[in-house]
């Protein structure tokens, strides 16, 4: 039987101090979980603040209403997570080289995040937003971007012919990323 932990505060822990199980309404602060194997763990209504989860294995991990704030999350494979009731909030995080391919991120807000070289291929970002986010070299192919807000996003390259973009919102001063694939010069 899987262990269940509820309403606990975990401060400064390492992977060796984290037991596999279900974490309900728990807070993780300043934890160093680099390369942790979090496969098949379950996090429900949890918060991660100032944590480093870079290169962690999250295959079939469940993230249900989980928030990440000021976390370093390099190279995470969200495409391998358990999709049932997946919902995250991400603020002030670094997610470079992560993979959200095929993930339902509808209504997800990325707030002041660095998302360089992130794969959003086949993801659903309907009604989501990238508030003040750096999307340098991130991939958007066959991505659902309906009503997605890119008004304050920067460094993105999105081909409108290869994505579903009805009612996506852009600032008129940052639309260069929508035509970068064309053989034209913008001055």
Foldseek 3Di string as FASTA:
>chain_A
DFDEAEAEEAEQAELVPDDAHEYYLYEYECYEDDQHANDPHEYANYEYENYENANHAHAQYHAAAYEYELYEYEAAECVRYNQPNHEYEYENYEHENYECALHEHDQYEHYLYEHEQYEDHNYEHHLYEDHQYEHANYDYFQYHQECYECANYANAADAPVGYRYHNYHYHPVHCCNHCVPPPDDDD
